[in-house]
Amino acid sequence: MTQALRKLVTFDEFVAKYPDNTGKRYELYDGVLVEMPQPTGDHEEIVVFLSTKITLEYSRLNLSYGIPKTVLVKPIDNESAYSPDVLVLNLANLVNEPLWKKQSTVTQAASISLVIEVVSSNWRDDYLKKYADYEEMGIPEYWIVDYAALGGREFIGNPKQPTILVCCLEEGEYRVSKFRGNDRIQSQTFPELNFTAEEIFRAGTLANH
């Protein structure tokens, strides 16, 4: 389970002190430090699959994009900071980011082409809090990859089944499309991507074969 350490800290304090020498990973939710669980192998294999496919696509299109390792996303109006599983940056806009040079943090939707969260035990954060903050920031596209069917039934069906939610911003609100099985993922940012939900889910089981 994700653990919240109930001492309010500011964003500047968070950036200055964490990660600490314990090796633990944290995000900041409205001033509350939240320790992130160590991801499973399946989770990380899916992150690798998506990062590789998307890197190949923006390279093919000769776009000035990049997928960094440890960049933070900070909503403007609250003391939060997130470290997405996959973050596709528009490198050309980083010159306009006030926190970029010193804190490797982005705050503007123009810097963020796509955010992907691969769901783990803290699924409510991905479906509720991050969804709301990414939408309010104006991030154009947000994927929730629920390969283990951990989310609530209102999100992934009853009975629960592995689902990918692709949330595309339209007139300030996310329009959500759900993909399962052999559905081909349809991305507004990368409309020519050619892989299915099942291929993503299978990436998380490769080491088991």
Protein backbone atom coordinates (compact mmCIF):
# COMPACT_ATOMS: atom_id res chain seq x y z
CA MET A 1 0.00 0.00 0.00
CA THR A 2 1.05 3.59 -0.60
CA GLN A 3 1.96 5.29 2.66
CA ALA A 4 1.33 8.98 3.33
CA LEU A 5 3.78 10.61 5.72
CA ARG A 6 1.56 13.21 7.37
CA LYS A 7 3.83 16.20 7.59
CA LEU A 8 2.96 19.02 5.21
CA VAL A 9 5.86 20.16 3.08
CA THR A 10 6.16 22.74 0.34
CA PHE A 11 7.22 21.89 -3.18
CA ASP A 12 10.58 23.57 -2.64
CA GLU A 13 11.19 21.50 0.50
CA PHE A 14 10.21 18.36 -1.38
CA VAL A 15 12.64 19.00 -4.20
CA ALA A 16 15.44 19.89 -1.79
CA LYS A 17 15.10 16.81 0.46
CA TYR A 18 13.84 13.94 -1.70
CA PRO A 19 14.81 11.42 -2.82
CA ASP A 20 16.67 10.92 0.43
CA ASN A 21 19.48 8.51 1.20
CA THR A 22 17.07 5.67 1.99
CA GLY A 23 16.48 5.06 -1.70
CA LYS A 24 12.72 5.37 -1.28
CA ARG A 25 10.63 7.11 -3.94
CA TYR A 26 8.09 9.81 -3.14
CA GLU A 27 5.50 12.03 -4.75
CA LEU A 28 3.89 15.11 -3.22
CA TYR A 29 0.09 15.31 -2.93
CA ASP A 30 -1.19 18.69 -1.73
CA GLY A 31 1.73 19.07 0.65
CA VAL A 32 1.65 15.46 1.87
CA LEU A 33 4.64 13.23 1.19
CA VAL A 34 3.54 9.90 -0.30
CA GLU A 35 5.95 6.98 -0.42
CA MET A 36 5.61 5.12 -3.71
CA PRO A 37 5.62 1.31 -3.71
CA GLN A 38 8.45 -0.48 -5.44
CA PRO A 39 7.01 -1.42 -8.84
CA THR A 40 6.65 -5.03 -9.93
CA GLY A 41 8.60 -6.52 -12.79
CA ASP A 42 5.46 -6.65 -14.95
CA HIS A 43 4.90 -2.93 -14.33
CA GLU A 44 8.43 -2.07 -15.43
CA GLU A 45 8.28 -4.29 -18.54
CA ILE A 46 5.18 -2.40 -19.66
CA VAL A 47 6.92 0.93 -19.03
CA VAL A 48 9.85 -0.25 -21.18
CA PHE A 49 7.52 -1.44 -23.97
CA LEU A 50 5.62 1.86 -24.10
CA SER A 51 8.72 4.03 -23.82
CA THR A 52 10.39 2.13 -26.66
CA LYS A 53 7.39 2.21 -28.99
CA ILE A 54 6.73 5.90 -28.42
CA THR A 55 10.40 6.86 -28.78
CA LEU A 56 10.53 5.06 -32.12
CA GLU A 57 7.42 6.93 -33.24
CA TYR A 58 8.51 10.46 -32.38
CA SER A 59 11.94 9.71 -33.84
CA ARG A 60 10.31 8.49 -37.05
CA LEU A 61 8.30 11.71 -37.20
CA ASN A 62 11.42 13.80 -36.47
CA LEU A 63 9.70 15.51 -33.54
CA SER A 64 11.66 17.38 -30.88
CA TYR A 65 10.35 15.16 -28.10
CA GLY A 66 12.03 13.17 -25.35
CA ILE A 67 11.25 10.76 -22.52
CA PRO A 68 13.25 11.74 -19.41
CA LYS A 69 14.02 9.57 -16.42
CA THR A 70 13.18 11.62 -13.33
CA VAL A 71 11.34 14.80 -14.32
CA LEU A 72 8.57 16.09 -12.04
CA VAL A 73 5.19 17.39 -13.18
CA LYS A 74 3.90 20.17 -10.92
CA PRO A 75 0.33 21.49 -11.04
CA ILE A 76 0.44 25.27 -10.74
CA ASP A 77 -2.14 25.82 -8.03
CA ASN A 78 -1.25 23.23 -5.39
CA GLU A 79 1.73 21.80 -3.56
CA SER A 80 1.89 18.60 -5.58
CA ALA A 81 4.56 16.96 -7.69
CA TYR A 82 4.25 13.77 -9.72
CA SER A 83 6.81 11.50 -11.37
CA PRO A 84 4.91 9.76 -14.19
CA ASP A 85 5.83 6.30 -15.43
CA VAL A 86 6.20 7.68 -18.97
CA LEU A 87 6.43 11.40 -19.68
CA VAL A 88 6.80 12.63 -23.25
CA LEU A 89 8.25 16.14 -23.24
CA ASN A 90 8.10 18.76 -25.97
CA LEU A 91 11.74 19.78 -25.67
CA ALA A 92 11.24 23.03 -27.59
CA ASN A 93 9.09 24.48 -24.79
CA LEU A 94 11.47 23.78 -21.93
CA VAL A 95 13.08 27.20 -22.39
CA ASN A 96 9.78 28.65 -21.09
CA GLU A 97 9.68 26.49 -17.96
CA PRO A 98 10.66 28.49 -14.85
CA LEU A 99 11.63 25.43 -12.79
CA TRP A 100 13.33 23.41 -15.47
CA LYS A 101 16.99 24.42 -15.18
CA LYS A 102 17.33 24.05 -11.41
CA GLN A 103 14.65 21.50 -10.50
CA SER A 104 13.95 19.49 -13.72
CA THR A 105 10.26 20.24 -13.21
CA VAL A 106 7.58 21.12 -15.78
CA THR A 107 4.47 23.13 -15.05
CA GLN A 108 3.12 23.99 -18.52
CA ALA A 109 0.92 21.83 -20.70
CA ALA A 110 2.87 23.05 -23.74
CA SER A 111 5.87 21.11 -22.43
CA ILE A 112 3.95 17.84 -22.07
CA SER A 113 2.78 15.90 -25.10
CA LEU A 114 1.69 12.73 -23.30
CA VAL A 115 1.63 11.32 -19.76
CA ILE A 116 1.25 7.61 -19.01
CA GLU A 117 0.63 6.06 -15.60
CA VAL A 118 0.85 2.27 -15.28
CA VAL A 119 -1.52 1.38 -12.46
CA SER A 120 -0.22 -0.25 -9.28
CA SER A 121 -1.65 -0.60 -5.78
CA ASN A 122 -2.25 3.16 -5.51
CA TRP A 123 -4.79 3.07 -8.35
CA ARG A 124 -7.05 5.77 -6.93
CA ASP A 125 -4.26 8.31 -7.41
CA ASP A 126 -4.09 7.58 -11.15
CA TYR A 127 -7.84 7.47 -11.74
CA LEU A 128 -8.86 10.38 -9.51
CA LYS A 129 -6.23 12.84 -8.29
CA LYS A 130 -3.78 12.76 -11.17
CA TYR A 131 -6.62 12.63 -13.68
CA ALA A 132 -8.09 15.83 -12.21
CA ASP A 133 -4.74 17.63 -11.96
CA TYR A 134 -3.55 16.65 -15.43
CA GLU A 135 -6.89 17.75 -16.87
CA GLU A 136 -6.76 21.08 -15.03
CA MET A 137 -3.21 21.68 -16.23
CA GLY A 138 -4.40 21.17 -19.80
CA ILE A 139 -2.15 18.20 -20.56
CA PRO A 140 -3.42 17.08 -23.98
CA GLU A 141 -3.29 13.32 -23.49
CA TYR A 142 -3.15 10.99 -20.48
CA TRP A 143 -3.11 7.19 -20.53
CA ILE A 144 -4.04 4.99 -17.58
CA VAL A 145 -2.69 1.49 -18.19
CA ASP A 146 -4.49 -0.88 -15.82
CA TYR A 147 -2.89 -4.16 -16.87
CA ALA A 148 -3.77 -5.97 -13.63
CA ALA A 149 -7.40 -4.74 -13.47
CA LEU A 150 -6.90 -3.02 -10.13
CA GLY A 151 -9.17 -0.01 -10.65
CA GLY A 152 -12.76 0.40 -9.55
CA ARG A 153 -15.55 -1.27 -11.51
CA GLU A 154 -16.88 2.11 -12.64
CA PHE A 155 -13.63 2.54 -14.59
CA ILE A 156 -12.81 -0.93 -15.95
CA GLY A 157 -16.11 -2.78 -15.93
CA ASN A 158 -17.86 -5.50 -13.94
CA PRO A 159 -16.34 -8.03 -13.87
CA LYS A 160 -13.07 -6.15 -13.85
CA GLN A 161 -10.82 -6.64 -16.84
CA PRO A 162 -7.46 -5.20 -17.93
CA THR A 163 -8.15 -1.86 -19.58
CA ILE A 164 -6.29 1.10 -21.03
CA LEU A 165 -7.96 4.48 -20.70
CA VAL A 166 -6.82 7.09 -23.22
CA CYS A 167 -7.92 10.53 -22.05
CA CYS A 168 -7.75 13.28 -24.70
CA LEU A 169 -8.39 16.92 -23.86
CA GLU A 170 -11.35 18.50 -25.66
CA GLU A 171 -12.54 21.99 -24.70
CA GLY A 172 -10.81 21.76 -21.35
CA GLU A 173 -12.14 18.31 -20.37
CA TYR A 174 -10.89 14.80 -20.95
CA ARG A 175 -12.78 12.56 -23.36
CA VAL A 176 -12.08 9.00 -22.26
CA SER A 177 -11.77 6.03 -24.62
CA LYS A 178 -11.29 2.50 -23.26
CA PHE A 179 -9.27 -0.21 -24.96
CA ARG A 180 -9.17 -3.93 -24.17
CA GLY A 181 -8.01 -7.14 -25.83
CA ASN A 182 -7.30 -6.69 -29.53
CA ASP A 183 -8.48 -3.07 -29.65
CA ARG A 184 -5.84 -0.94 -31.38
CA ILE A 185 -4.76 1.98 -29.20
CA GLN A 186 -5.91 5.28 -30.69
CA SER A 187 -3.77 8.23 -29.68
CA GLN A 188 -4.45 11.85 -30.49
CA THR A 189 -0.76 12.71 -30.05
CA PHE A 190 0.55 9.78 -32.09
CA PRO A 191 -2.31 8.73 -34.40
CA GLU A 192 -0.17 6.26 -36.38
CA LEU A 193 0.84 4.10 -33.42
CA ASN A 194 0.09 0.50 -34.27
CA PHE A 195 -0.26 -1.80 -31.27
CA THR A 196 -3.14 -3.25 -29.31
CA ALA A 197 -4.09 -3.26 -25.66
CA GLU A 198 -3.24 -6.95 -25.51
CA GLU A 199 0.28 -6.33 -26.82
CA ILE A 200 0.83 -3.89 -23.97
CA PHE A 201 -0.53 -6.33 -21.39
CA ARG A 202 1.58 -9.14 -22.86
CA ALA A 203 4.72 -7.04 -22.44
CA GLY A 204 4.20 -7.41 -18.71
CA THR A 205 4.30 -11.20 -18.87
CA LEU A 206 7.28 -11.78 -21.15
CA ALA A 207 9.60 -12.75 -18.33
CA ASN A 208 7.14 -15.44 -17.27
CA HIS A 209 7.51 -17.42 -20.49
